[in-house]
């Protein structure tokens, strides 16, 4: 059922779990997200980045997501992820997204507040909720590119001031995560103490970006079937659980789906080199994605919360 993002996240905040926000780029990924959510009886957020909109078009992805949501038995919201350009965010608001993100984290603090406040005002007039970001998350994912030396963690007192002045509905914070598959050198480490400080001051639901786990079994499967990924490292299960325990209500996941998709495609093309039916090739990718999304939903504690 198509459900306001704010309603989904306020329930998660109250009950102490996090909702998976999965990036969709095509029909197969969208279907996989929905099947996994249905099987886990979990609320879910389907989100589109500016990169996915450039690839498939806003109308197409919104139509796919909306149709799947309308026929689903679990709460589903369609969300614009990492809107770096205000004009794109405004188009999404008009198009019928349940929520939009304006990412002004690369702007100076006052400029971020100014632009975010304007978008919040416009969105609230259309009953659309807004996610904002304070603190930059390093790495590369679609149109998000922040050099590690320029990345900074969210200041708790600034987070309080920012949410009060902008009236944003959710806040994406930087506590040490990175976009992409190569997040850390060695084990992940999130600044949980900083998260606790932010949670004590900020009342809106908190979002964690760059939070893919980069499952080792998917990496091994890709490499077994010819891929060469090197040494990717994601956010550990323990760190994610601690983050959710201490206030994170929305966890963005994109890289894990890309890895699952790639693992499935490489596997079938290696095991069945004569296969050329795209439906069968994509079915293998679909199965891997469903399994990965179900695992992530369980990790976040949102199974049976629909």
Protein backbone atom coordinates (compact mmCIF):
# COMPACT_ATOMS: atom_id res chain seq x y z
CA UNK A 1 0.00 0.00 0.00
CA UNK A 2 1.31 3.44 -0.90
CA UNK A 3 2.11 5.09 2.44
CA UNK A 4 3.60 8.45 3.47
CA UNK A 5 7.29 8.10 4.28
CA UNK A 6 6.83 10.15 7.44
CA UNK A 7 4.24 7.71 8.77
CA UNK A 8 6.55 4.76 8.07
CA UNK A 9 9.56 6.35 9.77
CA UNK A 10 7.73 7.74 12.79
CA UNK A 11 6.50 4.22 13.55
CA UNK A 12 10.05 2.89 13.17
CA UNK A 13 11.36 5.61 15.47
CA UNK A 14 8.74 4.81 18.11
CA UNK A 15 9.28 1.06 17.99
CA UNK A 16 13.07 1.05 17.65
CA UNK A 17 13.80 -0.48 14.27
CA UNK A 18 15.01 0.85 10.93
CA UNK A 19 13.36 0.74 7.53
CA UNK A 20 15.38 -0.32 4.51
CA UNK A 21 15.52 2.32 1.78
CA UNK A 22 16.58 0.54 -1.41
CA UNK A 23 17.59 2.26 -4.62
CA UNK A 24 15.65 1.15 -7.69
CA UNK A 25 16.93 1.54 -11.25
CA UNK A 26 14.72 -0.78 -13.29
CA UNK A 27 11.77 -3.17 -13.14
CA UNK A 28 13.71 -6.18 -11.84
CA UNK A 29 15.23 -4.31 -8.90
CA UNK A 30 11.86 -2.76 -8.03
CA UNK A 31 10.12 -6.14 -8.11
CA UNK A 32 12.88 -7.69 -5.99
CA UNK A 33 12.51 -5.02 -3.31
CA UNK A 34 8.77 -5.52 -3.17
CA UNK A 35 8.89 -9.32 -3.09
CA UNK A 36 11.44 -9.26 -0.29
CA UNK A 37 9.32 -6.78 1.70
CA UNK A 38 6.19 -8.87 1.16
CA UNK A 39 7.90 -12.08 2.25
CA UNK A 40 9.33 -10.40 5.34
CA UNK A 41 6.09 -8.50 6.07
CA UNK A 42 8.17 -5.35 6.33
CA UNK A 43 7.63 -1.68 5.45
CA UNK A 44 9.98 -0.49 2.76
CA UNK A 45 11.14 2.62 0.94
CA UNK A 46 11.87 2.51 -2.78
CA UNK A 47 14.11 5.39 -3.73
CA UNK A 48 15.48 6.86 -6.93
CA UNK A 49 18.72 8.79 -7.18
CA UNK A 50 19.42 11.49 -9.74
CA UNK A 51 21.63 8.92 -11.48
CA UNK A 52 18.77 6.44 -11.80
CA UNK A 53 16.49 9.19 -13.10
CA UNK A 54 19.03 10.03 -15.77
CA UNK A 55 19.21 6.33 -16.67
CA UNK A 56 15.52 5.37 -16.73
CA UNK A 57 13.52 8.58 -16.38
CA UNK A 58 11.48 9.86 -13.44
CA UNK A 59 8.11 9.05 -14.98
CA UNK A 60 9.11 5.45 -15.71
CA UNK A 61 10.57 4.67 -12.29
CA UNK A 62 7.79 6.47 -10.45
CA UNK A 63 5.19 4.54 -12.44
CA UNK A 64 6.87 1.20 -11.66
CA UNK A 65 7.27 1.99 -7.97
CA UNK A 66 3.77 3.38 -7.58
CA UNK A 67 2.11 0.43 -9.32
CA UNK A 68 4.00 -2.08 -7.17
CA UNK A 69 3.16 -0.10 -4.04
CA UNK A 70 -0.53 0.12 -4.86
CA UNK A 71 -0.78 -3.67 -5.22
CA UNK A 72 1.36 -4.44 -2.17
CA UNK A 73 0.10 -5.53 1.23
CA UNK A 74 2.97 -3.83 3.06
CA UNK A 75 3.56 -0.08 3.52
CA UNK A 76 5.64 1.34 0.67
CA UNK A 77 6.89 4.86 0.05
CA UNK A 78 8.57 6.29 -3.05
CA UNK A 79 11.43 8.61 -2.18
CA UNK A 80 13.83 10.85 -4.09
CA UNK A 81 17.34 10.06 -2.88
CA UNK A 82 20.18 12.60 -2.89
CA UNK A 83 18.52 15.40 -4.79
CA UNK A 84 21.56 17.61 -5.29
CA UNK A 85 19.78 20.03 -7.59
CA UNK A 86 16.75 21.97 -6.25
CA UNK A 87 15.06 21.94 -9.65
CA UNK A 88 15.05 18.11 -9.70
CA UNK A 89 13.66 18.04 -6.16
CA UNK A 90 10.86 20.42 -7.14
CA UNK A 91 9.92 18.26 -10.14
CA UNK A 92 9.76 15.20 -7.87
CA UNK A 93 7.50 17.03 -5.43
CA UNK A 94 5.12 17.90 -8.25
CA UNK A 95 5.31 14.38 -9.70
CA UNK A 96 3.89 12.70 -6.61
CA UNK A 97 6.77 11.28 -4.56
CA UNK A 98 5.88 10.55 -0.92
CA UNK A 99 9.12 12.21 0.16
CA UNK A 100 12.16 13.92 -1.30
CA UNK A 101 15.71 14.46 -0.16
CA UNK A 102 17.50 17.69 -0.73
CA UNK A 103 21.21 17.14 -0.18
CA UNK A 104 22.73 20.51 0.53
CA UNK A 105 25.53 19.11 2.67
CA UNK A 106 28.21 20.50 0.36
CA UNK A 107 26.92 24.04 0.95
CA UNK A 108 27.94 26.28 3.85
CA UNK A 109 25.70 25.81 6.88
CA UNK A 110 23.58 28.93 6.37
CA UNK A 111 23.18 28.29 2.64
CA UNK A 112 22.09 24.72 3.34
CA UNK A 113 19.47 26.03 5.78
CA UNK A 114 18.25 28.65 3.30
CA UNK A 115 17.72 26.26 0.38
CA UNK A 116 16.42 23.39 2.50
CA UNK A 117 13.87 25.67 4.21
CA UNK A 118 12.49 26.75 0.84
CA UNK A 119 12.14 23.17 -0.33
CA UNK A 120 10.46 22.15 2.94
CA UNK A 121 7.90 24.93 2.56
CA UNK A 122 7.10 23.91 -1.00
CA UNK A 123 6.96 20.19 -0.17
CA UNK A 124 4.75 20.59 2.89
CA UNK A 125 2.20 22.48 0.80
CA UNK A 126 1.89 19.27 -1.26
CA UNK A 127 1.91 16.94 1.80
CA UNK A 128 5.37 15.68 0.80
CA UNK A 129 7.96 15.12 3.53
CA UNK A 130 11.59 16.17 3.24
CA UNK A 131 14.85 14.53 4.17
CA UNK A 132 17.82 16.85 4.54
CA UNK A 133 21.52 16.19 5.10
CA UNK A 134 24.02 17.76 7.44
CA UNK A 135 27.62 16.60 7.28
CA UNK A 136 29.16 15.12 4.14
CA UNK A 137 29.46 11.40 3.44
CA UNK A 138 32.59 10.55 1.48
CA UNK A 139 32.70 8.22 -1.50
CA UNK A 140 31.05 7.93 -4.87
CA UNK A 141 27.51 6.80 -5.64
CA UNK A 142 25.70 8.17 -8.69
CA UNK A 143 25.88 11.98 -8.54
CA UNK A 144 27.30 11.99 -5.00
CA UNK A 145 31.06 12.58 -4.96
CA UNK A 146 32.81 13.87 -1.87
CA UNK A 147 36.56 13.66 -1.45
CA UNK A 148 37.49 11.97 1.80
CA UNK A 149 39.59 14.90 2.97
CA UNK A 150 36.56 17.18 2.57
CA UNK A 151 34.13 14.89 4.38
CA UNK A 152 33.08 15.88 7.88
CA UNK A 153 30.91 14.37 10.57
CA UNK A 154 27.66 15.91 11.71
CA UNK A 155 27.91 18.33 14.62
CA UNK A 156 25.16 17.49 17.16
CA UNK A 157 24.43 21.10 18.14
CA UNK A 158 24.29 22.15 14.49
CA UNK A 159 21.91 19.26 13.84
CA UNK A 160 19.53 20.61 16.47
CA UNK A 161 19.67 24.13 15.06
CA UNK A 162 19.34 22.86 11.49
CA UNK A 163 16.23 20.77 12.11
CA UNK A 164 14.55 23.54 14.08
CA UNK A 165 15.18 26.20 11.46
CA UNK A 166 14.46 24.14 8.33
CA UNK A 167 11.55 22.09 9.77
CA UNK A 168 12.78 19.09 7.77
CA UNK A 169 11.03 15.79 8.52
CA UNK A 170 14.09 13.51 8.60
CA UNK A 171 17.81 14.12 8.83
CA UNK A 172 20.63 12.21 7.15
CA UNK A 173 23.71 12.39 9.33
CA UNK A 174 27.38 11.61 8.80
CA UNK A 175 28.86 9.34 11.48
CA UNK A 176 31.57 7.61 9.48
CA UNK A 177 29.85 5.76 6.64
CA UNK A 178 30.99 5.98 3.01
CA UNK A 179 29.25 5.60 -0.32
CA UNK A 180 30.26 2.74 -2.60
CA UNK A 181 31.77 -0.72 -2.00
CA UNK A 182 35.18 0.40 -0.74
CA UNK A 183 34.18 2.08 2.49
CA UNK A 184 36.96 1.20 4.89
CA UNK A 185 40.50 -0.06 5.13
CA UNK A 186 39.87 -2.99 7.41
CA UNK A 187 36.87 -3.15 9.74
CA UNK A 188 34.13 -0.53 9.73
CA UNK A 189 33.85 1.91 12.58
CA UNK A 190 30.87 4.20 13.11
CA UNK A 191 30.88 7.04 15.62
CA UNK A 192 28.09 5.73 17.82
CA UNK A 193 28.88 8.24 20.57
CA UNK A 194 28.21 11.07 18.12
CA UNK A 195 24.98 9.37 17.07
CA UNK A 196 23.86 9.21 20.70
CA UNK A 197 24.53 12.93 21.11
CA UNK A 198 22.53 13.75 17.99
CA UNK A 199 19.67 11.47 19.01
CA UNK A 200 19.47 13.17 22.44
CA UNK A 201 19.02 16.57 20.79
CA UNK A 202 17.20 15.93 17.51
CA UNK A 203 13.60 14.72 17.53
CA UNK A 204 13.09 13.90 13.83
CA UNK A 205 13.88 10.39 12.47
CA UNK A 206 17.54 9.94 11.54
CA UNK A 207 18.82 8.38 8.30
CA UNK A 208 22.08 6.59 7.59
CA UNK A 209 23.51 6.80 4.08
CA UNK A 210 26.41 4.83 2.64
CA UNK A 211 25.29 1.91 4.78
CA UNK A 212 25.64 -1.08 2.45
CA UNK A 213 27.13 -4.16 4.11
CA UNK A 214 29.04 -5.46 1.04
CA UNK A 215 28.33 -9.14 1.90
CA UNK A 216 31.43 -11.28 1.56
CA UNK A 217 29.51 -14.17 0.03
CA UNK A 218 28.40 -11.96 -2.87
CA UNK A 219 31.94 -10.69 -3.39
CA UNK A 220 33.25 -14.29 -3.44
CA UNK A 221 30.55 -15.37 -5.88
CA UNK A 222 31.36 -12.50 -8.25
CA UNK A 223 35.05 -13.32 -8.13
CA UNK A 224 34.39 -17.04 -8.55
CA UNK A 225 32.62 -16.27 -11.82
CA UNK A 226 35.24 -13.93 -13.25
CA UNK A 227 34.80 -10.63 -11.42
CA UNK A 228 37.72 -8.70 -9.91
CA UNK A 229 36.65 -6.47 -7.07
CA UNK A 230 39.78 -6.29 -4.96
CA UNK A 231 39.05 -5.81 -1.25
CA UNK A 232 35.69 -4.05 -0.81
CA UNK A 233 34.57 -3.51 2.80
CA UNK A 234 31.11 -2.46 3.97
CA UNK A 235 29.47 -1.53 7.26
CA UNK A 236 29.59 -4.46 9.67
CA UNK A 237 26.44 -6.12 10.99
CA UNK A 238 27.41 -5.11 14.51
CA UNK A 239 27.82 -1.45 13.61
CA UNK A 240 24.49 -1.36 11.80
CA UNK A 241 22.69 -2.96 14.72
CA UNK A 242 24.27 -0.45 17.12
CA UNK A 243 23.27 2.43 14.86
CA UNK A 244 19.65 1.24 14.75
CA UNK A 245 19.64 0.63 18.49
CA UNK A 246 20.77 4.21 19.04
CA UNK A 247 18.32 6.04 16.81
CA UNK A 248 18.79 5.36 13.10
CA UNK A 249 15.35 4.82 11.52
CA UNK A 250 16.18 4.73 7.79
CA UNK A 251 19.10 2.84 6.25
CA UNK A 252 20.02 3.45 2.62
CA UNK A 253 21.20 0.48 0.59
CA UNK A 254 22.34 0.55 -3.02
CA UNK A 255 25.73 -1.15 -3.38
CA UNK A 256 24.46 -4.43 -1.89
CA UNK A 257 21.79 -4.63 -4.60
CA UNK A 258 24.37 -3.93 -7.32
CA UNK A 259 26.57 -6.71 -5.98
CA UNK A 260 23.65 -9.16 -5.79
CA UNK A 261 22.55 -8.28 -9.33
CA UNK A 262 26.08 -8.75 -10.66
CA UNK A 263 26.58 -12.02 -8.78
CA UNK A 264 23.38 -13.46 -10.24
CA UNK A 265 24.20 -12.45 -13.80
CA UNK A 266 27.78 -13.70 -13.65
CA UNK A 267 26.66 -16.99 -12.13
CA UNK A 268 24.14 -17.90 -14.81
CA UNK A 269 26.35 -16.77 -17.70
CA UNK A 270 29.18 -18.92 -16.35
CA UNK A 271 27.08 -21.97 -15.54
CA UNK A 272 24.94 -21.74 -18.68
CA UNK A 273 27.14 -20.15 -21.37
CA UNK A 274 24.56 -20.89 -24.05
CA UNK A 275 21.82 -18.86 -22.36
CA UNK A 276 20.77 -15.72 -24.19
CA UNK A 277 17.20 -15.16 -22.94
CA UNK A 278 17.38 -11.89 -20.95
CA UNK A 279 14.42 -12.98 -18.85
CA UNK A 280 16.30 -16.03 -17.56
CA UNK A 281 19.51 -14.08 -17.08
CA UNK A 282 17.71 -11.38 -15.11
CA UNK A 283 15.78 -14.00 -13.12
CA UNK A 284 19.08 -15.15 -11.63
CA UNK A 285 19.92 -11.56 -10.64
CA UNK A 286 16.41 -11.17 -9.23
CA UNK A 287 16.75 -14.20 -6.95
CA UNK A 288 20.06 -12.95 -5.56
CA UNK A 289 18.60 -9.51 -4.89
CA UNK A 290 15.52 -10.87 -3.11
CA UNK A 291 17.71 -12.97 -0.81
CA UNK A 292 20.03 -10.03 -0.08
CA UNK A 293 17.18 -7.61 0.63
CA UNK A 294 15.44 -10.08 2.93
CA UNK A 295 18.68 -10.51 4.88
CA UNK A 296 19.09 -6.73 5.17
CA UNK A 297 15.50 -6.26 6.34
CA UNK A 298 16.05 -8.83 9.10
CA UNK A 299 19.29 -7.12 10.11
CA UNK A 300 17.48 -3.79 10.51
CA UNK A 301 14.75 -5.35 12.64
CA UNK A 302 11.83 -4.42 10.38
CA UNK A 303 10.55 -7.93 9.64
CA UNK A 304 6.93 -8.37 10.68
CA UNK A 305 6.51 -4.64 11.26
CA UNK A 306 4.15 -3.99 8.34
